[in-house]
Amino acid sequence: MGLGLRNFTERTETGEAVIDTVNGEELMHVQSSVDIVFNNFSPFSNGTLYISTKQVIWLSDLDKSKGYAVDFLSISLHAVSTDPEAYSVPCIYTQIDTEADEDDSDDSDSECNVIHDLSKIREMRLIPSDPTQLDTLFEVFCECAELNPEPNDEEEEEHDWVFSTDQTENEEPEEEGYVSQNPVNSLGQSNGNHDLARTVLELQINDKRFEDAEEMENKGDGSHH
C-alpha cells in the first residue's frame, strides 16, 4: 500500500469502518463528532474517527460516500495543537509523508483540485467536538505509532544493542583482578555485534587496572623512604 492519504469508502451495513481483522488489524479507538482539515483548507464536519493498529480512518456522517484513511507508516509527526496562533481550535495535528515530490505541491492549487489529488495532502488536523478527548487521542496515536515503526527503524532496533556493564560481565570470563564494580552507565551501541560494548568496558577496566598498578607502585616507592 502506497504512502499518503487515500479515499476510504468501506463501511459495514451499520456504517462503521471495515478493518482487516483477518490480517490482524484491531480497532483501538472510536471517536464521534470529529471534524477533519487537510492542509489549511476548510474543514469537513461531522465525522467519526476510527483508529486501528494500522491506520487512521475518518468517515463522514453526512455523506456515506466520503471517507479518508492514512496508514500510521505515512504519519511522520503527530501532536496536540492548542496554540490559537497555530490553528484556531484545539486539534490533533499530523504531518503526512506522500510519494509525490515536494516540488509537486503548488500553493496556488485550488482546494477542490488538491482534495481530488490526495498526494498533495501533507497536513491533517483532527478536531473533536470535545477538546478534553485530545489527550486520549494523542495517547492512542502514540501507542499505534509504536506498533508501526519505520522499516529502517525496525532494522536498527534489531541491531542497536545497548549493554549495561552487568550484561557484558555475564559474557566476559572472570579473571584475576577483574573489576566487577559497575562503572556508571557503561553503554555500548553497535550494528549487530558486541565489539563496541566490549571495547568501552575493556577500556574502563584497563584504566582501572592501570590506576591500581600505579597506586601500588607509588606505595612501594614510599616504603623505601
N, C-alpha and C. Protein backbone atom coordinates (compact mmCIF):
# COMPACT_ATOMS: atom_id res chain seq x y z
N MET A 1 0.84 -1.19 0.00
CA MET A 1 0.00 0.00 0.00
C MET A 1 0.89 1.25 0.00
N GLY A 2 0.54 2.24 -0.85
CA GLY A 2 1.39 3.41 -1.00
C GLY A 2 1.30 4.37 0.16
N LEU A 3 2.23 5.31 0.16
CA LEU A 3 2.25 6.33 1.18
C LEU A 3 1.14 7.34 0.93
N GLY A 4 0.80 8.09 1.99
CA GLY A 4 -0.11 9.21 1.83
C GLY A 4 -1.56 8.91 2.15
N LEU A 5 -2.33 9.97 2.07
CA LEU A 5 -3.77 9.90 2.31
C LEU A 5 -4.46 9.21 1.15
N ARG A 6 -5.54 8.52 1.44
CA ARG A 6 -6.30 7.86 0.37
C ARG A 6 -7.79 7.91 0.71
N ASN A 7 -8.61 7.76 -0.32
CA ASN A 7 -10.06 7.68 -0.11
C ASN A 7 -10.40 6.36 0.56
N PHE A 8 -11.41 6.38 1.39
CA PHE A 8 -11.83 5.17 2.10
C PHE A 8 -13.35 5.15 2.13
N THR A 9 -13.93 4.10 1.57
CA THR A 9 -15.39 4.02 1.49
C THR A 9 -15.94 2.70 2.02
N GLU A 10 -15.07 1.88 2.59
CA GLU A 10 -15.51 0.55 3.04
C GLU A 10 -16.22 0.65 4.39
N ARG A 11 -17.52 0.44 4.36
CA ARG A 11 -18.34 0.52 5.57
C ARG A 11 -19.11 -0.78 5.76
N THR A 12 -19.40 -1.04 7.02
CA THR A 12 -20.28 -2.17 7.33
C THR A 12 -21.72 -1.75 7.04
N GLU A 13 -22.63 -2.68 7.20
CA GLU A 13 -24.04 -2.38 6.95
C GLU A 13 -24.55 -1.31 7.90
N THR A 14 -23.91 -1.19 9.06
CA THR A 14 -24.33 -0.17 10.03
C THR A 14 -23.54 1.13 9.88
N GLY A 15 -22.69 1.19 8.85
CA GLY A 15 -22.00 2.44 8.57
C GLY A 15 -20.64 2.60 9.21
N GLU A 16 -20.13 1.56 9.87
CA GLU A 16 -18.83 1.66 10.53
C GLU A 16 -17.71 1.28 9.57
N ALA A 17 -16.50 1.71 9.90
CA ALA A 17 -15.35 1.42 9.05
C ALA A 17 -15.03 -0.07 9.07
N VAL A 18 -14.69 -0.60 7.91
CA VAL A 18 -14.29 -2.00 7.79
C VAL A 18 -12.77 -2.07 7.94
N ILE A 19 -12.29 -2.88 8.88
CA ILE A 19 -10.85 -3.05 9.06
C ILE A 19 -10.48 -4.50 8.77
N ASP A 20 -9.20 -4.71 8.51
CA ASP A 20 -8.71 -6.01 8.04
C ASP A 20 -8.38 -6.92 9.24
N THR A 21 -9.41 -7.40 9.89
CA THR A 21 -9.21 -8.25 11.06
C THR A 21 -8.58 -9.59 10.69
N VAL A 22 -8.78 -10.01 9.45
CA VAL A 22 -8.21 -11.29 9.01
C VAL A 22 -6.69 -11.27 9.10
N ASN A 23 -6.10 -10.10 8.81
CA ASN A 23 -4.65 -9.97 8.86
C ASN A 23 -4.16 -9.31 10.14
N GLY A 24 -4.99 -9.37 11.17
CA GLY A 24 -4.53 -8.95 12.49
C GLY A 24 -4.78 -7.50 12.85
N GLU A 25 -5.45 -6.75 11.98
CA GLU A 25 -5.74 -5.35 12.32
C GLU A 25 -6.81 -5.29 13.41
N GLU A 26 -6.59 -4.45 14.41
CA GLU A 26 -7.52 -4.34 15.52
C GLU A 26 -7.96 -2.89 15.69
N LEU A 27 -9.20 -2.71 16.04
CA LEU A 27 -9.73 -1.37 16.30
C LEU A 27 -9.33 -0.95 17.71
N MET A 28 -8.69 0.22 17.81
CA MET A 28 -8.18 0.69 19.09
C MET A 28 -9.06 1.77 19.73
N HIS A 29 -9.68 2.60 18.89
CA HIS A 29 -10.46 3.71 19.45
C HIS A 29 -11.43 4.24 18.41
N VAL A 30 -12.61 4.63 18.88
CA VAL A 30 -13.61 5.27 18.02
C VAL A 30 -14.01 6.59 18.67
N GLN A 31 -14.00 7.65 17.89
CA GLN A 31 -14.36 8.97 18.42
C GLN A 31 -15.39 9.60 17.49
N SER A 32 -16.56 9.89 18.03
CA SER A 32 -17.60 10.52 17.22
C SER A 32 -17.45 12.04 17.25
N SER A 33 -18.15 12.70 16.35
CA SER A 33 -18.17 14.17 16.27
C SER A 33 -16.77 14.76 16.11
N VAL A 34 -16.12 14.34 15.04
CA VAL A 34 -14.77 14.83 14.74
C VAL A 34 -14.78 15.49 13.36
N ASP A 35 -14.24 16.72 13.30
CA ASP A 35 -14.04 17.39 12.02
C ASP A 35 -12.63 17.08 11.53
N ILE A 36 -12.44 17.14 10.21
CA ILE A 36 -11.12 16.88 9.64
C ILE A 36 -10.74 18.03 8.71
N VAL A 37 -9.48 18.42 8.76
CA VAL A 37 -8.99 19.52 7.94
C VAL A 37 -7.72 19.07 7.23
N PHE A 38 -7.65 19.29 5.91
CA PHE A 38 -6.46 18.97 5.14
C PHE A 38 -5.73 20.26 4.78
N ASN A 39 -4.41 20.22 4.96
CA ASN A 39 -3.60 21.42 4.75
C ASN A 39 -4.25 22.57 5.52
N ASN A 40 -4.52 23.69 4.87
CA ASN A 40 -5.20 24.80 5.55
C ASN A 40 -6.54 25.10 4.90
N PHE A 41 -7.18 24.03 4.42
CA PHE A 41 -8.45 24.21 3.73
C PHE A 41 -9.61 24.20 4.72
N SER A 42 -10.80 24.29 4.19
CA SER A 42 -12.00 24.29 5.02
C SER A 42 -12.20 22.89 5.61
N PRO A 43 -12.73 22.83 6.82
CA PRO A 43 -12.92 21.51 7.45
C PRO A 43 -14.10 20.75 6.87
N PHE A 44 -13.98 19.42 6.91
CA PHE A 44 -15.13 18.56 6.69
C PHE A 44 -15.70 18.25 8.07
N SER A 45 -16.98 18.52 8.24
CA SER A 45 -17.57 18.43 9.58
C SER A 45 -18.35 17.13 9.76
N ASN A 46 -18.60 16.86 11.03
CA ASN A 46 -19.47 15.76 11.43
C ASN A 46 -19.05 14.40 10.87
N GLY A 47 -17.94 13.92 11.43
CA GLY A 47 -17.48 12.60 11.03
C GLY A 47 -17.14 11.75 12.25
N THR A 48 -16.86 10.49 11.99
CA THR A 48 -16.46 9.57 13.06
C THR A 48 -15.04 9.11 12.78
N LEU A 49 -14.21 9.15 13.81
CA LEU A 49 -12.81 8.77 13.69
C LEU A 49 -12.61 7.35 14.19
N TYR A 50 -11.96 6.53 13.38
CA TYR A 50 -11.62 5.16 13.76
C TYR A 50 -10.09 5.04 13.74
N ILE A 51 -9.54 4.64 14.87
CA ILE A 51 -8.09 4.44 14.95
C ILE A 51 -7.84 2.96 15.17
N SER A 52 -7.14 2.35 14.24
CA SER A 52 -6.82 0.92 14.36
C SER A 52 -5.33 0.77 14.59
N THR A 53 -4.90 -0.46 14.70
CA THR A 53 -3.47 -0.73 14.90
C THR A 53 -2.66 -0.43 13.64
N LYS A 54 -3.33 -0.17 12.53
CA LYS A 54 -2.63 0.06 11.27
C LYS A 54 -2.86 1.45 10.68
N GLN A 55 -4.03 2.03 10.92
CA GLN A 55 -4.39 3.23 10.19
C GLN A 55 -5.36 4.13 10.96
N VAL A 56 -5.49 5.35 10.44
CA VAL A 56 -6.46 6.32 10.95
C VAL A 56 -7.51 6.52 9.87
N ILE A 57 -8.76 6.34 10.23
CA ILE A 57 -9.87 6.44 9.26
C ILE A 57 -10.86 7.48 9.74
N TRP A 58 -11.27 8.35 8.83
CA TRP A 58 -12.33 9.32 9.12
C TRP A 58 -13.47 9.10 8.13
N LEU A 59 -14.68 8.89 8.64
CA LEU A 59 -15.85 8.68 7.80
C LEU A 59 -16.87 9.77 8.07
N SER A 60 -17.37 10.37 7.01
CA SER A 60 -18.39 11.39 7.14
C SER A 60 -19.70 10.78 7.60
N ASP A 61 -20.35 11.46 8.55
CA ASP A 61 -21.67 11.00 8.99
C ASP A 61 -22.78 11.55 8.09
N LEU A 62 -22.43 12.57 7.29
CA LEU A 62 -23.43 13.21 6.44
C LEU A 62 -23.44 12.63 5.04
N ASP A 63 -22.26 12.30 4.54
CA ASP A 63 -22.12 11.76 3.18
C ASP A 63 -21.48 10.39 3.27
N LYS A 64 -22.29 9.36 3.12
CA LYS A 64 -21.80 7.99 3.30
C LYS A 64 -20.77 7.57 2.25
N SER A 65 -20.62 8.36 1.20
CA SER A 65 -19.63 8.02 0.17
C SER A 65 -18.29 8.70 0.44
N LYS A 66 -18.21 9.49 1.51
CA LYS A 66 -17.00 10.25 1.77
C LYS A 66 -16.27 9.69 2.99
N GLY A 67 -14.99 9.39 2.77
CA GLY A 67 -14.16 8.92 3.86
C GLY A 67 -12.70 8.96 3.45
N TYR A 68 -11.82 9.05 4.44
CA TYR A 68 -10.39 9.13 4.17
C TYR A 68 -9.64 8.27 5.17
N ALA A 69 -8.48 7.79 4.75
CA ALA A 69 -7.66 6.97 5.63
C ALA A 69 -6.19 7.22 5.35
N VAL A 70 -5.38 7.03 6.37
CA VAL A 70 -3.93 7.14 6.23
C VAL A 70 -3.29 6.13 7.15
N ASP A 71 -2.31 5.41 6.63
CA ASP A 71 -1.60 4.42 7.44
C ASP A 71 -0.67 5.13 8.42
N PHE A 72 -0.42 4.51 9.56
CA PHE A 72 0.50 5.09 10.53
C PHE A 72 1.91 5.20 9.95
N LEU A 73 2.26 4.32 9.02
CA LEU A 73 3.57 4.39 8.39
C LEU A 73 3.73 5.67 7.58
N SER A 74 2.62 6.30 7.19
CA SER A 74 2.68 7.54 6.43
C SER A 74 2.63 8.78 7.31
N ILE A 75 2.38 8.59 8.60
CA ILE A 75 2.30 9.73 9.52
C ILE A 75 3.67 9.95 10.14
N SER A 76 4.32 11.03 9.74
CA SER A 76 5.68 11.30 10.22
C SER A 76 5.69 12.07 11.52
N LEU A 77 4.58 12.73 11.85
CA LEU A 77 4.53 13.52 13.09
C LEU A 77 3.09 13.64 13.53
N HIS A 78 2.88 13.57 14.83
CA HIS A 78 1.55 13.87 15.38
C HIS A 78 1.73 14.60 16.70
N ALA A 79 0.82 15.53 16.97
CA ALA A 79 0.95 16.35 18.18
C ALA A 79 -0.39 16.95 18.54
N VAL A 80 -0.51 17.34 19.80
CA VAL A 80 -1.68 18.09 20.25
C VAL A 80 -1.40 19.56 20.01
N SER A 81 -2.28 20.22 19.28
CA SER A 81 -2.13 21.64 18.99
C SER A 81 -3.20 22.44 19.73
N THR A 82 -2.76 23.30 20.64
CA THR A 82 -3.71 24.14 21.40
C THR A 82 -3.39 25.61 21.27
N ASP A 83 -2.37 25.94 20.47
CA ASP A 83 -1.98 27.34 20.28
C ASP A 83 -2.88 27.98 19.23
N PRO A 84 -3.68 28.97 19.63
CA PRO A 84 -4.60 29.59 18.65
C PRO A 84 -3.87 30.27 17.50
N GLU A 85 -2.59 30.60 17.69
CA GLU A 85 -1.84 31.20 16.59
C GLU A 85 -1.47 30.15 15.54
N ALA A 86 -1.38 28.90 15.97
CA ALA A 86 -1.09 27.81 15.02
C ALA A 86 -2.36 27.37 14.31
N TYR A 87 -3.44 27.24 15.07
CA TYR A 87 -4.74 26.92 14.50
C TYR A 87 -5.81 27.43 15.46
N SER A 88 -6.95 27.79 14.91
CA SER A 88 -7.95 28.50 15.70
C SER A 88 -8.58 27.67 16.81
N VAL A 89 -8.61 26.34 16.65
CA VAL A 89 -9.22 25.49 17.67
C VAL A 89 -8.27 24.35 18.03
N PRO A 90 -8.37 23.80 19.23
CA PRO A 90 -7.51 22.67 19.62
C PRO A 90 -7.75 21.47 18.71
N CYS A 91 -6.67 20.76 18.40
CA CYS A 91 -6.79 19.64 17.46
C CYS A 91 -5.59 18.71 17.59
N ILE A 92 -5.70 17.57 16.94
CA ILE A 92 -4.55 16.69 16.72
C ILE A 92 -3.98 17.07 15.36
N TYR A 93 -2.72 17.47 15.36
CA TYR A 93 -2.05 17.87 14.13
C TYR A 93 -1.14 16.75 13.66
N THR A 94 -1.21 16.43 12.36
CA THR A 94 -0.34 15.38 11.82
C THR A 94 0.30 15.86 10.53
N GLN A 95 1.50 15.35 10.29
CA GLN A 95 2.17 15.53 9.01
C GLN A 95 2.20 14.19 8.30
N ILE A 96 1.95 14.22 6.99
CA ILE A 96 1.80 13.00 6.21
C ILE A 96 2.88 12.92 5.14
N ASP A 97 3.57 11.79 5.09
CA ASP A 97 4.52 11.52 4.02
C ASP A 97 3.75 11.05 2.79
N THR A 98 4.15 11.53 1.62
CA THR A 98 3.50 11.09 0.39
C THR A 98 4.55 10.63 -0.60
N GLU A 99 4.10 9.99 -1.66
CA GLU A 99 5.01 9.55 -2.71
C GLU A 99 5.31 10.66 -3.70
N ALA A 100 4.56 11.75 -3.62
CA ALA A 100 4.79 12.88 -4.51
C ALA A 100 5.98 13.70 -4.03
N ASP A 101 6.69 14.32 -4.96
CA ASP A 101 7.80 15.18 -4.60
C ASP A 101 7.27 16.46 -3.98
N GLU A 102 8.09 17.06 -3.11
CA GLU A 102 7.71 18.32 -2.50
C GLU A 102 7.46 19.38 -3.58
N ASP A 103 8.22 19.32 -4.66
CA ASP A 103 8.09 20.32 -5.72
C ASP A 103 6.75 20.23 -6.43
N ASP A 104 6.09 19.06 -6.29
CA ASP A 104 4.80 18.89 -6.95
C ASP A 104 3.69 19.66 -6.26
N SER A 105 3.95 20.08 -5.02
CA SER A 105 2.94 20.80 -4.26
C SER A 105 2.93 22.26 -4.68
N ASP A 106 1.78 22.74 -5.08
CA ASP A 106 1.65 24.12 -5.55
C ASP A 106 0.62 24.83 -4.68
N ASP A 107 1.08 25.86 -3.97
CA ASP A 107 0.18 26.59 -3.07
C ASP A 107 -0.97 27.25 -3.83
N SER A 108 -0.78 27.43 -5.15
CA SER A 108 -1.82 28.10 -5.93
C SER A 108 -2.93 27.13 -6.34
N ASP A 109 -2.72 25.82 -6.11
CA ASP A 109 -3.76 24.86 -6.45
C ASP A 109 -5.02 25.16 -5.66
N SER A 110 -6.15 25.02 -6.31
CA SER A 110 -7.40 25.25 -5.61
C SER A 110 -7.68 24.12 -4.63
N GLU A 111 -8.50 24.44 -3.66
CA GLU A 111 -8.84 23.43 -2.66
C GLU A 111 -9.49 22.22 -3.32
N CYS A 112 -10.33 22.46 -4.29
CA CYS A 112 -11.02 21.36 -4.97
C CYS A 112 -10.03 20.46 -5.69
N ASN A 113 -9.05 21.06 -6.37
CA ASN A 113 -8.06 20.25 -7.10
C ASN A 113 -7.23 19.40 -6.16
N VAL A 114 -6.84 20.00 -5.02
CA VAL A 114 -5.99 19.28 -4.07
C VAL A 114 -6.75 18.12 -3.44
N ILE A 115 -7.99 18.32 -3.10
CA ILE A 115 -8.77 17.25 -2.50
C ILE A 115 -8.93 16.08 -3.47
N HIS A 116 -8.96 16.38 -4.77
CA HIS A 116 -9.05 15.31 -5.75
C HIS A 116 -7.69 14.67 -6.01
N ASP A 117 -6.63 15.34 -5.63
CA ASP A 117 -5.28 14.78 -5.75
C ASP A 117 -4.70 14.67 -4.34
N LEU A 118 -4.99 13.56 -3.70
CA LEU A 118 -4.65 13.42 -2.28
C LEU A 118 -3.14 13.37 -2.04
N SER A 119 -2.36 13.20 -3.11
CA SER A 119 -0.91 13.19 -2.93
C SER A 119 -0.38 14.56 -2.50
N LYS A 120 -1.21 15.59 -2.65
CA LYS A 120 -0.80 16.94 -2.26
C LYS A 120 -1.14 17.25 -0.80
N ILE A 121 -1.78 16.30 -0.12
CA ILE A 121 -2.15 16.50 1.28
C ILE A 121 -0.98 16.10 2.17
N ARG A 122 -0.39 17.06 2.84
CA ARG A 122 0.75 16.77 3.71
C ARG A 122 0.47 17.14 5.17
N GLU A 123 -0.68 17.73 5.42
CA GLU A 123 -1.06 18.05 6.79
C GLU A 123 -2.52 17.65 7.02
N MET A 124 -2.79 17.13 8.19
CA MET A 124 -4.16 16.74 8.54
C MET A 124 -4.40 17.12 10.00
N ARG A 125 -5.53 17.75 10.23
CA ARG A 125 -5.93 18.10 11.60
C ARG A 125 -7.24 17.39 11.93
N LEU A 126 -7.29 16.84 13.10
CA LEU A 126 -8.49 16.15 13.59
C LEU A 126 -9.02 16.95 14.77
N ILE A 127 -10.27 17.39 14.67
CA ILE A 127 -10.83 18.32 15.66
C ILE A 127 -12.04 17.67 16.32
N PRO A 128 -11.87 17.10 17.50
CA PRO A 128 -13.03 16.54 18.21
C PRO A 128 -13.90 17.66 18.77
N SER A 129 -15.20 17.43 18.80
CA SER A 129 -16.10 18.45 19.35
C SER A 129 -15.85 18.64 20.84
N ASP A 130 -15.32 17.60 21.48
CA ASP A 130 -14.96 17.66 22.89
C ASP A 130 -13.43 17.73 23.01
N PRO A 131 -12.88 18.93 23.26
CA PRO A 131 -11.42 19.07 23.32
C PRO A 131 -10.76 18.26 24.42
N THR A 132 -11.53 17.85 25.43
CA THR A 132 -10.93 17.06 26.51
C THR A 132 -10.51 15.67 26.02
N GLN A 133 -10.93 15.30 24.81
CA GLN A 133 -10.55 13.99 24.27
C GLN A 133 -9.20 14.02 23.56
N LEU A 134 -8.60 15.20 23.45
CA LEU A 134 -7.34 15.32 22.71
C LEU A 134 -6.23 14.47 23.33
N ASP A 135 -6.12 14.49 24.64
CA ASP A 135 -5.06 13.71 25.29
C ASP A 135 -5.25 12.22 25.06
N THR A 136 -6.50 11.77 25.11
CA THR A 136 -6.78 10.36 24.85
C THR A 136 -6.41 9.99 23.42
N LEU A 137 -6.81 10.85 22.47
CA LEU A 137 -6.48 10.58 21.07
C LEU A 137 -4.97 10.56 20.87
N PHE A 138 -4.28 11.48 21.51
CA PHE A 138 -2.83 11.54 21.36
C PHE A 138 -2.18 10.26 21.89
N GLU A 139 -2.65 9.77 23.03
CA GLU A 139 -2.09 8.55 23.61
C GLU A 139 -2.32 7.35 22.69
N VAL A 140 -3.50 7.29 22.08
CA VAL A 140 -3.78 6.19 21.16
C VAL A 140 -2.89 6.30 19.93
N PHE A 141 -2.70 7.53 19.43
CA PHE A 141 -1.79 7.74 18.30
C PHE A 141 -0.39 7.23 18.64
N CYS A 142 0.07 7.59 19.83
CA CYS A 142 1.42 7.18 20.24
C CYS A 142 1.54 5.66 20.30
N GLU A 143 0.53 5.03 20.89
CA GLU A 143 0.56 3.57 21.03
C GLU A 143 0.58 2.89 19.66
N CYS A 144 -0.25 3.39 18.74
CA CYS A 144 -0.31 2.76 17.42
C CYS A 144 0.93 3.08 16.59
N ALA A 145 1.50 4.25 16.78
CA ALA A 145 2.73 4.59 16.07
C ALA A 145 3.86 3.65 16.48
N GLU A 146 3.90 3.28 17.75
CA GLU A 146 4.92 2.35 18.22
C GLU A 146 4.73 0.96 17.61
N LEU A 147 3.49 0.63 17.27
CA LEU A 147 3.22 -0.66 16.65
C LEU A 147 3.60 -0.69 15.17
N ASN A 148 3.91 0.50 14.62
CA ASN A 148 4.21 0.60 13.20
C ASN A 148 5.51 1.38 12.98
N PRO A 149 6.63 0.84 13.44
CA PRO A 149 7.91 1.54 13.25
C PRO A 149 8.30 1.56 11.78
N GLU A 150 9.07 2.58 11.43
CA GLU A 150 9.62 2.63 10.07
C GLU A 150 10.45 1.36 9.83
N PRO A 151 10.40 0.80 8.63
CA PRO A 151 11.19 -0.41 8.35
C PRO A 151 12.66 -0.24 8.71
N ASN A 152 13.26 0.89 8.41
CA ASN A 152 14.66 1.13 8.75
C ASN A 152 14.86 1.17 10.25
N ASP A 153 13.91 1.83 10.95
CA ASP A 153 14.00 1.91 12.40
C ASP A 153 13.91 0.53 13.02
N GLU A 154 13.02 -0.32 12.43
CA GLU A 154 12.85 -1.67 12.97
C GLU A 154 14.13 -2.46 12.81
N GLU A 155 14.80 -2.27 11.66
CA GLU A 155 16.05 -2.98 11.42
C GLU A 155 17.12 -2.49 12.38
N GLU A 156 17.13 -1.16 12.62
CA GLU A 156 18.12 -0.61 13.54
C GLU A 156 17.88 -1.11 14.95
N GLU A 157 16.59 -1.24 15.31
CA GLU A 157 16.27 -1.72 16.66
C GLU A 157 16.78 -3.14 16.84
N GLU A 158 16.73 -3.95 15.76
CA GLU A 158 17.19 -5.32 15.88
C GLU A 158 18.69 -5.39 16.10
N HIS A 159 19.43 -4.37 15.62
CA HIS A 159 20.88 -4.39 15.69
C HIS A 159 21.44 -3.31 16.60
N ASP A 160 20.59 -2.51 17.19
CA ASP A 160 21.04 -1.42 18.04
C ASP A 160 21.17 -1.93 19.46
N TRP A 161 22.27 -2.60 19.74
CA TRP A 161 22.44 -3.22 21.04
C TRP A 161 22.91 -2.19 22.04
N VAL A 162 22.30 -2.18 23.21
CA VAL A 162 22.73 -1.31 24.30
C VAL A 162 22.99 -2.20 25.50
N PHE A 163 24.20 -2.16 26.01
CA PHE A 163 24.60 -3.07 27.07
C PHE A 163 24.88 -2.30 28.34
N SER A 164 24.44 -2.84 29.45
CA SER A 164 24.91 -2.35 30.74
C SER A 164 26.14 -3.15 31.11
N THR A 165 26.87 -2.67 32.08
CA THR A 165 28.08 -3.37 32.50
C THR A 165 27.74 -4.77 33.00
N ASP A 166 26.64 -4.90 33.72
CA ASP A 166 26.26 -6.22 34.26
C ASP A 166 26.04 -7.21 33.14
N GLN A 167 25.37 -6.76 32.05
CA GLN A 167 25.10 -7.66 30.94
C GLN A 167 26.38 -8.09 30.26
N THR A 168 27.32 -7.18 30.12
CA THR A 168 28.57 -7.51 29.45
C THR A 168 29.43 -8.39 30.32
N GLU A 169 29.36 -8.21 31.64
CA GLU A 169 30.14 -9.04 32.55
C GLU A 169 29.76 -10.50 32.42
N ASN A 170 28.45 -10.75 32.13
CA ASN A 170 28.00 -12.12 32.01
C ASN A 170 28.64 -12.82 30.83
N GLU A 171 29.11 -12.04 29.84
CA GLU A 171 29.73 -12.63 28.67
C GLU A 171 31.24 -12.72 28.81
N GLU A 172 31.82 -12.00 29.77
CA GLU A 172 33.26 -11.99 29.95
C GLU A 172 33.65 -13.01 31.00
N PRO A 173 34.71 -13.81 30.80
CA PRO A 173 35.15 -14.75 31.83
C PRO A 173 35.75 -13.99 33.00
N GLU A 174 35.53 -14.52 34.19
CA GLU A 174 36.11 -13.92 35.38
C GLU A 174 37.61 -14.17 35.38
N GLU A 175 38.40 -13.12 35.55
CA GLU A 175 39.84 -13.24 35.61
C GLU A 175 40.33 -12.60 36.90
N GLU A 176 41.55 -12.95 37.26
CA GLU A 176 42.12 -12.39 38.47
C GLU A 176 42.24 -10.88 38.28
N GLY A 177 41.77 -10.15 39.22
CA GLY A 177 41.83 -8.70 39.15
C GLY A 177 40.71 -8.11 38.32
N TYR A 178 39.74 -8.93 37.92
CA TYR A 178 38.64 -8.44 37.11
C TYR A 178 37.82 -7.45 37.91
N VAL A 179 37.51 -6.32 37.31
CA VAL A 179 36.78 -5.27 38.02
C VAL A 179 35.30 -5.56 37.91
N SER A 180 34.68 -5.90 39.02
CA SER A 180 33.26 -6.23 39.00
C SER A 180 32.39 -5.06 39.37
N GLN A 181 33.00 -3.95 39.81
CA GLN A 181 32.16 -2.82 40.15
C GLN A 181 31.54 -2.25 38.88
N ASN A 182 30.45 -1.56 39.04
CA ASN A 182 29.67 -1.12 37.90
C ASN A 182 30.00 0.33 37.58
N PRO A 183 30.82 0.58 36.53
CA PRO A 183 31.03 1.96 36.12
C PRO A 183 29.69 2.56 35.72
N VAL A 184 29.49 3.81 36.02
CA VAL A 184 28.18 4.41 35.80
C VAL A 184 27.81 4.41 34.33
N ASN A 185 26.70 3.73 34.02
CA ASN A 185 26.13 3.76 32.68
C ASN A 185 27.15 3.49 31.59
N SER A 186 27.82 2.37 31.68
CA SER A 186 28.73 1.97 30.61
C SER A 186 27.90 1.38 29.48
N LEU A 187 27.69 2.17 28.47
CA LEU A 187 26.81 1.74 27.40
C LEU A 187 27.58 1.60 26.12
N GLY A 188 27.26 0.57 25.36
CA GLY A 188 27.85 0.39 24.04
C GLY A 188 26.74 0.23 23.04
N GLN A 189 26.90 0.86 21.89
CA GLN A 189 25.89 0.79 20.85
C GLN A 189 26.57 0.38 19.57
N SER A 190 26.01 -0.64 18.92
CA SER A 190 26.68 -1.15 17.73
C SER A 190 25.67 -1.65 16.72
N ASN A 191 26.16 -1.99 15.55
CA ASN A 191 25.30 -2.50 14.49
C ASN A 191 25.49 -4.00 14.34
N GLY A 192 24.85 -4.75 15.19
CA GLY A 192 24.82 -6.19 15.02
C GLY A 192 25.91 -6.95 15.72
N ASN A 193 26.86 -6.31 16.46
CA ASN A 193 27.85 -7.07 17.21
C ASN A 193 28.13 -6.36 18.52
N HIS A 194 28.88 -7.04 19.38
CA HIS A 194 29.10 -6.53 20.72
C HIS A 194 30.46 -5.85 20.85
N ASP A 195 31.19 -5.69 19.76
CA ASP A 195 32.56 -5.20 19.86
C ASP A 195 32.66 -3.86 20.55
N LEU A 196 31.77 -2.93 20.20
CA LEU A 196 31.86 -1.60 20.77
C LEU A 196 31.57 -1.63 22.26
N ALA A 197 30.57 -2.42 22.64
CA ALA A 197 30.24 -2.52 24.06
C ALA A 197 31.41 -3.07 24.85
N ARG A 198 32.04 -4.12 24.29
CA ARG A 198 33.17 -4.72 24.99
C ARG A 198 34.35 -3.77 25.03
N THR A 199 34.58 -3.05 23.95
CA THR A 199 35.70 -2.12 23.91
C THR A 199 35.55 -1.04 24.97
N VAL A 200 34.33 -0.50 25.09
CA VAL A 200 34.10 0.53 26.11
C VAL A 200 34.39 -0.01 27.49
N LEU A 201 33.87 -1.21 27.76
CA LEU A 201 34.07 -1.80 29.08
C LEU A 201 35.53 -2.13 29.32
N GLU A 202 36.20 -2.71 28.30
CA GLU A 202 37.60 -3.10 28.48
C GLU A 202 38.49 -1.89 28.70
N LEU A 203 38.20 -0.80 28.04
CA LEU A 203 38.98 0.42 28.26
C LEU A 203 38.87 0.90 29.69
N GLN A 204 37.63 0.82 30.22
CA GLN A 204 37.44 1.25 31.60
C GLN A 204 38.14 0.29 32.57
N ILE A 205 38.08 -0.99 32.25
CA ILE A 205 38.74 -1.97 33.11
C ILE A 205 40.26 -1.78 33.08
N ASN A 206 40.80 -1.60 31.87
CA ASN A 206 42.24 -1.39 31.75
C ASN A 206 42.69 -0.12 32.45
N ASP A 207 41.85 0.94 32.35
CA ASP A 207 42.18 2.18 33.05
C ASP A 207 42.21 1.95 34.55
N LYS A 208 41.25 1.15 35.04
CA LYS A 208 41.18 0.88 36.47
C LYS A 208 42.39 0.07 36.89
N ARG A 209 42.77 -0.94 36.09
CA ARG A 209 43.94 -1.75 36.44
C ARG A 209 45.21 -0.89 36.45
N PHE A 210 45.30 0.02 35.48
CA PHE A 210 46.48 0.89 35.42
C PHE A 210 46.56 1.77 36.65
N GLU A 211 45.37 2.30 37.07
CA GLU A 211 45.35 3.15 38.26
C GLU A 211 45.76 2.34 39.49
N ASP A 212 45.27 1.09 39.60
CA ASP A 212 45.62 0.26 40.76
C ASP A 212 47.12 -0.04 40.76
N ALA A 213 47.67 -0.36 39.58
CA ALA A 213 49.10 -0.66 39.50
C ALA A 213 49.93 0.55 39.86
N GLU A 214 49.51 1.70 39.38
CA GLU A 214 50.24 2.93 39.66
C GLU A 214 50.20 3.25 41.15
N GLU A 215 49.02 3.02 41.75
CA GLU A 215 48.88 3.27 43.18
C GLU A 215 49.79 2.34 43.99
N MET A 216 49.86 1.06 43.59
CA MET A 216 50.72 0.11 44.30
C MET A 216 52.19 0.47 44.13
N GLU A 217 52.55 0.95 42.95
CA GLU A 217 53.93 1.34 42.70
C GLU A 217 54.31 2.54 43.56
N ASN A 218 53.36 3.49 43.67
CA ASN A 218 53.62 4.67 44.50
C ASN A 218 53.79 4.28 45.96
N LYS A 219 52.97 3.33 46.39
CA LYS A 219 53.09 2.88 47.78
C LYS A 219 54.43 2.18 47.97
N GLY A 220 54.84 1.39 46.94
CA GLY A 220 56.13 0.72 47.04
C GLY A 220 57.28 1.72 47.11
N ASP A 221 57.19 2.78 46.32
CA ASP A 221 58.22 3.81 46.37
C ASP A 221 58.28 4.48 47.72
N GLY A 222 57.08 4.66 48.31
CA GLY A 222 57.02 5.32 49.62
C GLY A 222 57.65 4.49 50.71
N SER A 223 57.64 3.16 50.56
CA SER A 223 58.17 2.30 51.63
C SER A 223 59.67 2.38 51.73
N HIS A 224 60.36 2.89 50.67
CA HIS A 224 61.81 2.96 50.70
C HIS A 224 62.31 4.18 51.45
N HIS A 225 61.46 5.17 51.76
CA HIS A 225 61.88 6.38 52.43
C HIS A 225 61.86 6.18 53.92
